[in-house]
Amino acid sequence: MNNDNFNFWKMVYDMKAIDINTLRQAVKTTSNPYGEITEEQFKEISGVDFEVKETTPAPATPQIQPQQTTPVTQPVTPVQPQQVTQ
């Protein structure tokens, strides 16, 4: 247990800098082995029993097909640098 991590998450939750869902992401679980607090610490901080909330996947965006482009038929004339006079 890293007490500094607990103190940090408690502080930001108490300050209302994060909500309970963000705090939930800091809990170490089998699906989140790099979490920084335990389920017991989550309850101590929030007062709520920890439950894994399944996130719903974002709806799939339709694949956009590129539209056919028309080739440029006129040549591009390069711009010549101009001298600035004062």
PDB file of N, CA and C in Angstrom:
ATOM      1  N   MET A   1       0.838  -1.180   0.000  1.00  0.00           N
ATOM      2  CA  MET A   1       0.000   0.000   0.000  1.00  0.00           C
ATOM      3  C   MET A   1       0.880   1.238   0.000  1.00  0.00           C
ATOM      4  N   ASN A   2       0.614   2.134  -0.921  1.00  0.00           N
ATOM      5  CA  ASN A   2       1.347   3.386  -0.965  1.00  0.00           C
ATOM      6  C   ASN A   2       0.472   4.465  -0.353  1.00  0.00           C
ATOM      7  N   ASN A   3       0.828   4.891   0.849  1.00  0.00           N
ATOM      8  CA  ASN A   3       0.026   5.856   1.578  1.00  0.00           C
ATOM      9  C   ASN A   3      -0.071   7.188   0.851  1.00  0.00           C
ATOM     10  N   ASP A   4       0.975   7.566   0.103  1.00  0.00           N
ATOM     11  CA  ASP A   4       0.957   8.820  -0.643  1.00  0.00           C
ATOM     12  C   ASP A   4      -0.152   8.804  -1.684  1.00  0.00           C
ATOM     13  N   ASN A   5      -0.347   7.662  -2.360  1.00  0.00           N
ATOM     14  CA  ASN A   5      -1.410   7.572  -3.359  1.00  0.00           C
ATOM     15  C   ASN A   5      -2.778   7.718  -2.707  1.00  0.00           C
ATOM     16  N   PHE A   6      -2.962   7.063  -1.577  1.00  0.00           N
ATOM     17  CA  PHE A   6      -4.232   7.186  -0.858  1.00  0.00           C
ATOM     18  C   PHE A   6      -4.479   8.638  -0.484  1.00  0.00           C
ATOM     19  N   ASN A   7      -3.484   9.288   0.075  1.00  0.00           N
ATOM     20  CA  ASN A   7      -3.635  10.681   0.498  1.00  0.00           C
ATOM     21  C   ASN A   7      -3.955  11.584  -0.692  1.00  0.00           C
ATOM     22  N   PHE A   8      -3.309  11.336  -1.818  1.00  0.00           N
ATOM     23  CA  PHE A   8      -3.573  12.138  -3.014  1.00  0.00           C
ATOM     24  C   PHE A   8      -5.018  11.971  -3.468  1.00  0.00           C
ATOM     25  N   TRP A   9      -5.463  10.714  -3.632  1.00  0.00           N
ATOM     26  CA  TRP A   9      -6.820  10.479  -4.128  1.00  0.00           C
ATOM     27  C   TRP A   9      -7.867  10.985  -3.143  1.00  0.00           C
ATOM     28  N   LYS A  10      -7.606  10.867  -1.842  1.00  0.00           N
ATOM     29  CA  LYS A  10      -8.535  11.401  -0.846  1.00  0.00           C
ATOM     30  C   LYS A  10      -8.609  12.911  -0.956  1.00  0.00           C
ATOM     31  N   MET A  11      -7.483  13.552  -1.101  1.00  0.00           N
ATOM     32  CA  MET A  11      -7.447  15.009  -1.185  1.00  0.00           C
ATOM     33  C   MET A  11      -8.230  15.516  -2.408  1.00  0.00           C
ATOM     34  N   VAL A  12      -7.957  14.950  -3.595  1.00  0.00           N
ATOM     35  CA  VAL A  12      -8.625  15.463  -4.797  1.00  0.00           C
ATOM     36  C   VAL A  12     -10.115  15.138  -4.786  1.00  0.00           C
ATOM     37  N   TYR A  13     -10.507  14.023  -4.184  1.00  0.00           N
ATOM     38  CA  TYR A  13     -11.932  13.697  -4.079  1.00  0.00           C
ATOM     39  C   TYR A  13     -12.618  14.643  -3.090  1.00  0.00           C
ATOM     40  N   ASP A  14     -11.977  14.896  -1.963  1.00  0.00           N
ATOM     41  CA  ASP A  14     -12.552  15.808  -0.966  1.00  0.00           C
ATOM     42  C   ASP A  14     -12.668  17.231  -1.507  1.00  0.00           C
ATOM     43  N   MET A  15     -11.735  17.615  -2.352  1.00  0.00           N
ATOM     44  CA  MET A  15     -11.766  18.959  -2.954  1.00  0.00           C
ATOM     45  C   MET A  15     -12.773  19.047  -4.101  1.00  0.00           C
ATOM     46  N   LYS A  16     -13.377  17.897  -4.446  1.00  0.00           N
ATOM     47  CA  LYS A  16     -14.303  17.794  -5.569  1.00  0.00           C
ATOM     48  C   LYS A  16     -13.620  18.104  -6.904  1.00  0.00           C
ATOM     49  N   ALA A  17     -12.312  17.827  -6.946  1.00  0.00           N
ATOM     50  CA  ALA A  17     -11.574  17.979  -8.204  1.00  0.00           C
ATOM     51  C   ALA A  17     -11.842  16.798  -9.130  1.00  0.00           C
ATOM     52  N   ILE A  18     -12.280  15.679  -8.554  1.00  0.00           N
ATOM     53  CA  ILE A  18     -12.659  14.495  -9.332  1.00  0.00           C
ATOM     54  C   ILE A  18     -13.991  13.989  -8.807  1.00  0.00           C
ATOM     55  N   ASP A  19     -14.695  13.246  -9.647  1.00  0.00           N
ATOM     56  CA  ASP A  19     -15.948  12.651  -9.202  1.00  0.00           C
ATOM     57  C   ASP A  19     -15.710  11.182  -8.851  1.00  0.00           C
ATOM     58  N   ILE A  20     -16.772  10.519  -8.417  1.00  0.00           N
ATOM     59  CA  ILE A  20     -16.639   9.130  -7.975  1.00  0.00           C
ATOM     60  C   ILE A  20     -16.227   8.204  -9.123  1.00  0.00           C
ATOM     61  N   ASN A  21     -16.644   8.513 -10.340  1.00  0.00           N
ATOM     62  CA  ASN A  21     -16.265   7.675 -11.481  1.00  0.00           C
ATOM     63  C   ASN A  21     -14.766   7.776 -11.769  1.00  0.00           C
ATOM     64  N   THR A  22     -14.211   8.953 -11.605  1.00  0.00           N
ATOM     65  CA  THR A  22     -12.760   9.102 -11.785  1.00  0.00           C
ATOM     66  C   THR A  22     -12.023   8.383 -10.667  1.00  0.00           C
ATOM     67  N   LEU A  23     -12.521   8.495  -9.450  1.00  0.00           N
ATOM     68  CA  LEU A  23     -11.907   7.779  -8.327  1.00  0.00           C
ATOM     69  C   LEU A  23     -11.961   6.278  -8.567  1.00  0.00           C
ATOM     70  N   ARG A  24     -13.065   5.806  -9.126  1.00  0.00           N
ATOM     71  CA  ARG A  24     -13.224   4.374  -9.412  1.00  0.00           C
ATOM     72  C   ARG A  24     -12.111   3.875 -10.341  1.00  0.00           C
ATOM     73  N   GLN A  25     -11.658   4.726 -11.253  1.00  0.00           N
ATOM     74  CA  GLN A  25     -10.605   4.340 -12.198  1.00  0.00           C
ATOM     75  C   GLN A  25      -9.244   4.169 -11.516  1.00  0.00           C
ATOM     76  N   ALA A  26      -9.098   4.692 -10.310  1.00  0.00           N
ATOM     77  CA  ALA A  26      -7.827   4.581  -9.584  1.00  0.00           C
ATOM     78  C   ALA A  26      -7.721   3.296  -8.767  1.00  0.00           C
ATOM     79  N   VAL A  27      -8.777   2.496  -8.744  1.00  0.00           N
ATOM     80  CA  VAL A  27      -8.789   1.272  -7.934  1.00  0.00           C
ATOM     81  C   VAL A  27      -8.085   0.138  -8.673  1.00  0.00           C
ATOM     82  N   LYS A  28      -7.228  -0.557  -7.953  1.00  0.00           N
ATOM     83  CA  LYS A  28      -6.520  -1.699  -8.517  1.00  0.00           C
ATOM     84  C   LYS A  28      -7.458  -2.901  -8.570  1.00  0.00           C
ATOM     85  N   THR A  29      -7.657  -3.436  -9.779  1.00  0.00           N
ATOM     86  CA  THR A  29      -8.517  -4.600  -9.988  1.00  0.00           C
ATOM     87  C   THR A  29      -7.821  -5.540 -10.964  1.00  0.00           C
ATOM     88  N   THR A  30      -8.458  -6.663 -11.258  1.00  0.00           N
ATOM     89  CA  THR A  30      -7.856  -7.575 -12.241  1.00  0.00           C
ATOM     90  C   THR A  30      -7.839  -6.943 -13.627  1.00  0.00           C
ATOM     91  N   SER A  31      -8.843  -6.128 -13.938  1.00  0.00           N
ATOM     92  CA  SER A  31      -8.851  -5.471 -15.247  1.00  0.00           C
ATOM     93  C   SER A  31      -8.034  -4.182 -15.249  1.00  0.00           C
ATOM     94  N   ASN A  32      -7.655  -3.691 -14.067  1.00  0.00           N
ATOM     95  CA  ASN A  32      -6.827  -2.487 -13.939  1.00  0.00           C
ATOM     96  C   ASN A  32      -5.710  -2.758 -12.932  1.00  0.00           C
ATOM     97  N   PRO A  33      -4.711  -3.562 -13.333  1.00  0.00           N
ATOM     98  CA  PRO A  33      -3.670  -3.950 -12.379  1.00  0.00           C
ATOM     99  C   PRO A  33      -2.742  -2.803 -11.972  1.00  0.00           C
ATOM    100  N   TYR A  34      -2.853  -1.665 -12.635  1.00  0.00           N
ATOM    101  CA  TYR A  34      -1.978  -0.534 -12.313  1.00  0.00           C
ATOM    102  C   TYR A  34      -2.688   0.522 -11.471  1.00  0.00           C
ATOM    103  N   GLY A  35      -3.838   0.158 -10.914  1.00  0.00           N
ATOM    104  CA  GLY A  35      -4.549   1.085 -10.039  1.00  0.00           C
ATOM    105  C   GLY A  35      -3.699   1.440  -8.834  1.00  0.00           C
ATOM    106  N   GLU A  36      -4.063   2.522  -8.179  1.00  0.00           N
ATOM    107  CA  GLU A  36      -3.221   3.039  -7.094  1.00  0.00           C
ATOM    108  C   GLU A  36      -3.827   2.894  -5.706  1.00  0.00           C
ATOM    109  N   ILE A  37      -5.124   2.559  -5.624  1.00  0.00           N
ATOM    110  CA  ILE A  37      -5.750   2.375  -4.311  1.00  0.00           C
ATOM    111  C   ILE A  37      -6.527   1.058  -4.311  1.00  0.00           C
ATOM    112  N   THR A  38      -6.788   0.561  -3.121  1.00  0.00           N
ATOM    113  CA  THR A  38      -7.531  -0.687  -2.995  1.00  0.00           C
ATOM    114  C   THR A  38      -9.027  -0.406  -2.950  1.00  0.00           C
ATOM    115  N   GLU A  39      -9.812  -1.470  -3.056  1.00  0.00           N
ATOM    116  CA  GLU A  39     -11.268  -1.344  -2.955  1.00  0.00           C
ATOM    117  C   GLU A  39     -11.667  -0.805  -1.577  1.00  0.00           C
ATOM    118  N   GLU A  40     -10.949  -1.222  -0.540  1.00  0.00           N
ATOM    119  CA  GLU A  40     -11.227  -0.746   0.815  1.00  0.00           C
ATOM    120  C   GLU A  40     -10.918   0.746   0.932  1.00  0.00           C
ATOM    121  N   GLN A  41      -9.823   1.174   0.308  1.00  0.00           N
ATOM    122  CA  GLN A  41      -9.485   2.596   0.343  1.00  0.00           C
ATOM    123  C   GLN A  41     -10.507   3.423  -0.441  1.00  0.00           C
ATOM    124  N   PHE A  42     -11.013   2.862  -1.527  1.00  0.00           N
ATOM    125  CA  PHE A  42     -12.070   3.539  -2.294  1.00  0.00           C
ATOM    126  C   PHE A  42     -13.267   3.805  -1.384  1.00  0.00           C
ATOM    127  N   LYS A  43     -13.662   2.792  -0.619  1.00  0.00           N
ATOM    128  CA  LYS A  43     -14.810   2.948   0.284  1.00  0.00           C
ATOM    129  C   LYS A  43     -14.495   3.963   1.377  1.00  0.00           C
ATOM    130  N   GLU A  44     -13.272   3.932   1.893  1.00  0.00           N
ATOM    131  CA  GLU A  44     -12.891   4.883   2.941  1.00  0.00           C
ATOM    132  C   GLU A  44     -12.934   6.318   2.407  1.00  0.00           C
ATOM    133  N   ILE A  45     -12.525   6.513   1.179  1.00  0.00           N
ATOM    134  CA  ILE A  45     -12.517   7.852   0.582  1.00  0.00           C
ATOM    135  C   ILE A  45     -13.927   8.318   0.239  1.00  0.00           C
ATOM    136  N   SER A  46     -14.692   7.451  -0.442  1.00  0.00           N
ATOM    137  CA  SER A  46     -15.986   7.868  -0.994  1.00  0.00           C
ATOM    138  C   SER A  46     -17.176   7.557  -0.101  1.00  0.00           C
ATOM    139  N   GLY A  47     -17.029   6.568   0.812  1.00  0.00           N
ATOM    140  CA  GLY A  47     -18.157   6.136   1.625  1.00  0.00           C
ATOM    141  C   GLY A  47     -19.094   5.193   0.897  1.00  0.00           C
ATOM    142  N   VAL A  48     -18.687   4.764  -0.310  1.00  0.00           N
ATOM    143  CA  VAL A  48     -19.508   3.893  -1.151  1.00  0.00           C
ATOM    144  C   VAL A  48     -18.746   2.598  -1.400  1.00  0.00           C
ATOM    145  N   ASP A  49     -19.452   1.455  -1.345  1.00  0.00           N
ATOM    146  CA  ASP A  49     -18.818   0.183  -1.685  1.00  0.00           C
ATOM    147  C   ASP A  49     -18.357   0.216  -3.133  1.00  0.00           C
ATOM    148  N   PHE A  50     -17.194  -0.368  -3.384  1.00  0.00           N
ATOM    149  CA  PHE A  50     -16.654  -0.395  -4.747  1.00  0.00           C
ATOM    150  C   PHE A  50     -17.352  -1.463  -5.570  1.00  0.00           C
ATOM    151  N   GLU A  51     -17.804  -1.090  -6.743  1.00  0.00           N
ATOM    152  CA  GLU A  51     -18.356  -2.019  -7.715  1.00  0.00           C
ATOM    153  C   GLU A  51     -17.728  -1.702  -9.057  1.00  0.00           C
ATOM    154  N   VAL A  52     -17.397  -2.731  -9.798  1.00  0.00           N
ATOM    155  CA  VAL A  52     -16.859  -2.516 -11.130  1.00  0.00           C
ATOM    156  C   VAL A  52     -18.011  -2.095 -12.025  1.00  0.00           C
ATOM    157  N   LYS A  53     -17.878  -0.933 -12.615  1.00  0.00           N
ATOM    158  CA  LYS A  53     -18.907  -0.433 -13.530  1.00  0.00           C
ATOM    159  C   LYS A  53     -18.453  -0.738 -14.942  1.00  0.00           C
ATOM    160  N   GLU A  54     -19.290  -1.459 -15.660  1.00  0.00           N
ATOM    161  CA  GLU A  54     -18.977  -1.760 -17.051  1.00  0.00           C
ATOM    162  C   GLU A  54     -19.242  -0.513 -17.881  1.00  0.00           C
ATOM    163  N   THR A  55     -18.261  -0.138 -18.645  1.00  0.00           N
ATOM    164  CA  THR A  55     -18.449   1.012 -19.515  1.00  0.00           C
ATOM    165  C   THR A  55     -19.066   0.548 -20.812  1.00  0.00           C
ATOM    166  N   THR A  56     -19.970   1.327 -21.318  1.00  0.00           N
ATOM    167  CA  THR A  56     -20.590   0.972 -22.590  1.00  0.00           C
ATOM    168  C   THR A  56     -19.713   1.503 -23.704  1.00  0.00           C
ATOM    169  N   PRO A  57     -19.443   0.672 -24.695  1.00  0.00           N
ATOM    170  CA  PRO A  57     -18.586   1.128 -25.771  1.00  0.00           C
ATOM    171  C   PRO A  57     -19.262   2.234 -26.573  1.00  0.00           C
ATOM    172  N   ALA A  58     -18.459   3.118 -27.089  1.00  0.00           N
ATOM    173  CA  ALA A  58     -18.985   4.197 -27.923  1.00  0.00           C
ATOM    174  C   ALA A  58     -19.552   3.593 -29.201  1.00  0.00           C
ATOM    175  N   PRO A  59     -20.597   4.191 -29.726  1.00  0.00           N
ATOM    176  CA  PRO A  59     -21.154   3.650 -30.968  1.00  0.00           C
ATOM    177  C   PRO A  59     -20.119   3.714 -32.088  1.00  0.00           C
ATOM    178  N   ALA A  60     -20.146   2.695 -32.910  1.00  0.00           N
ATOM    179  CA  ALA A  60     -19.189   2.640 -34.011  1.00  0.00           C
ATOM    180  C   ALA A  60     -19.517   3.740 -35.012  1.00  0.00           C
ATOM    181  N   THR A  61     -18.487   4.404 -35.442  1.00  0.00           N
ATOM    182  CA  THR A  61     -18.694   5.451 -36.446  1.00  0.00           C
ATOM    183  C   THR A  61     -18.645   4.811 -37.829  1.00  0.00           C
ATOM    184  N   PRO A  62     -19.506   5.249 -38.722  1.00  0.00           N
ATOM    185  CA  PRO A  62     -19.483   4.651 -40.057  1.00  0.00           C
ATOM    186  C   PRO A  62     -18.179   4.991 -40.764  1.00  0.00           C
ATOM    187  N   GLN A  63     -17.704   4.040 -41.506  1.00  0.00           N
ATOM    188  CA  GLN A  63     -16.463   4.244 -42.230  1.00  0.00           C
ATOM    189  C   GLN A  63     -16.736   5.174 -43.417  1.00  0.00           C
ATOM    190  N   ILE A  64     -15.951   6.207 -43.524  1.00  0.00           N
ATOM    191  CA  ILE A  64     -16.135   7.192 -44.590  1.00  0.00           C
ATOM    192  C   ILE A  64     -15.276   6.790 -45.779  1.00  0.00           C
ATOM    193  N   GLN A  65     -15.901   6.728 -46.921  1.00  0.00           N
ATOM    194  CA  GLN A  65     -15.191   6.387 -48.150  1.00  0.00           C
ATOM    195  C   GLN A  65     -14.682   7.671 -48.791  1.00  0.00           C
ATOM    196  N   PRO A  66     -13.428   7.689 -49.213  1.00  0.00           N
ATOM    197  CA  PRO A  66     -12.920   8.905 -49.856  1.00  0.00           C
ATOM    198  C   PRO A  66     -13.640   9.136 -51.179  1.00  0.00           C
ATOM    199  N   GLN A  67     -13.886  10.403 -51.453  1.00  0.00           N
ATOM    200  CA  GLN A  67     -14.530  10.740 -52.710  1.00  0.00           C
ATOM    201  C   GLN A  67     -13.463  10.919 -53.776  1.00  0.00           C
ATOM    202  N   GLN A  68     -13.857  10.640 -55.004  1.00  0.00           N
ATOM    203  CA  GLN A  68     -12.912  10.785 -56.102  1.00  0.00           C
ATOM    204  C   GLN A  68     -12.622  12.263 -56.296  1.00  0.00           C
ATOM    205  N   THR A  69     -11.356  12.576 -56.489  1.00  0.00           N
ATOM    206  CA  THR A  69     -10.979  13.971 -56.691  1.00  0.00           C
ATOM    207  C   THR A  69     -10.619  14.198 -58.151  1.00  0.00           C
ATOM    208  N   THR A  70     -10.779  15.417 -58.580  1.00  0.00           N
ATOM    209  CA  THR A  70     -10.452  15.785 -59.949  1.00  0.00           C
ATOM    210  C   THR A  70      -9.015  16.297 -59.963  1.00  0.00           C
ATOM    211  N   PRO A  71      -8.185  15.808 -60.874  1.00  0.00           N
ATOM    212  CA  PRO A  71      -6.803  16.281 -60.908  1.00  0.00           C
ATOM    213  C   PRO A  71      -6.746  17.748 -61.346  1.00  0.00           C
ATOM    214  N   VAL A  72      -5.741  18.449 -60.864  1.00  0.00           N
ATOM    215  CA  VAL A  72      -5.544  19.848 -61.240  1.00  0.00           C
ATOM    216  C   VAL A  72      -5.063  19.879 -62.685  1.00  0.00           C
ATOM    217  N   THR A  73      -5.717  20.695 -63.511  1.00  0.00           N
ATOM    218  CA  THR A  73      -5.350  20.743 -64.936  1.00  0.00           C
ATOM    219  C   THR A  73      -4.494  21.953 -65.270  1.00  0.00           C
ATOM    220  N   GLN A  74      -4.454  22.944 -64.377  1.00  0.00           N
ATOM    221  CA  GLN A  74      -3.631  24.123 -64.651  1.00  0.00           C
ATOM    222  C   GLN A  74      -2.346  24.029 -63.839  1.00  0.00           C
ATOM    223  N   PRO A  75      -1.227  24.417 -64.480  1.00  0.00           N
ATOM    224  CA  PRO A  75       0.037  24.368 -63.733  1.00  0.00           C
ATOM    225  C   PRO A  75       0.047  25.459 -62.651  1.00  0.00           C
ATOM    226  N   VAL A  76       0.744  25.177 -61.598  1.00  0.00           N
ATOM    227  CA  VAL A  76       0.863  26.130 -60.505  1.00  0.00           C
ATOM    228  C   VAL A  76       2.098  26.979 -60.741  1.00  0.00           C
ATOM    229  N   THR A  77       1.928  28.299 -60.695  1.00  0.00           N
ATOM    230  CA  THR A  77       3.042  29.228 -60.912  1.00  0.00           C
ATOM    231  C   THR A  77       3.667  29.530 -59.558  1.00  0.00           C
ATOM    232  N   PRO A  78       4.986  29.315 -59.419  1.00  0.00           N
ATOM    233  CA  PRO A  78       5.627  29.602 -58.139  1.00  0.00           C
ATOM    234  C   PRO A  78       5.643  31.118 -57.867  1.00  0.00           C
ATOM    235  N   VAL A  79       5.541  31.490 -56.621  1.00  0.00           N
ATOM    236  CA  VAL A  79       5.573  32.889 -56.211  1.00  0.00           C
ATOM    237  C   VAL A  79       7.026  33.284 -55.989  1.00  0.00           C
ATOM    238  N   GLN A  80       7.412  34.407 -56.562  1.00  0.00           N
ATOM    239  CA  GLN A  80       8.774  34.908 -56.421  1.00  0.00           C
ATOM    240  C   GLN A  80       8.839  35.805 -55.178  1.00  0.00           C
ATOM    241  N   PRO A  81       9.904  35.671 -54.384  1.00  0.00           N
ATOM    242  CA  PRO A  81      10.036  36.551 -53.205  1.00  0.00           C
ATOM    243  C   PRO A  81      10.231  37.996 -53.647  1.00  0.00           C
ATOM    244  N   GLN A  82       9.692  38.913 -52.868  1.00  0.00           N
ATOM    245  CA  GLN A  82       9.842  40.325 -53.175  1.00  0.00           C
ATOM    246  C   GLN A  82      10.718  40.984 -52.132  1.00  0.00           C
ATOM    247  N   GLN A  83      11.446  42.002 -52.553  1.00  0.00           N
ATOM    248  CA  GLN A  83      12.280  42.743 -51.632  1.00  0.00           C
ATOM    249  C   GLN A  83      11.418  43.782 -50.913  1.00  0.00           C
ATOM    250  N   VAL A  84      11.678  43.958 -49.648  1.00  0.00           N
ATOM    251  CA  VAL A  84      10.961  44.965 -48.873  1.00  0.00           C
ATOM    252  C   VAL A  84      11.822  46.206 -48.822  1.00  0.00           C
ATOM    253  N   THR A  85      11.239  47.345 -49.222  1.00  0.00           N
ATOM    254  CA  THR A  85      11.970  48.605 -49.155  1.00  0.00           C
ATOM    255  C   THR A  85      11.373  49.460 -48.066  1.00  0.00           C
ATOM    256  N   GLN A  86      12.247  50.221 -47.421  1.00  0.00           N
ATOM    257  CA  GLN A  86      11.759  51.075 -46.323  1.00  0.00           C
ATOM    258  C   GLN A  86      11.918  52.525 -46.673  1.00  0.00           C
TER     259      GLN A  86
END
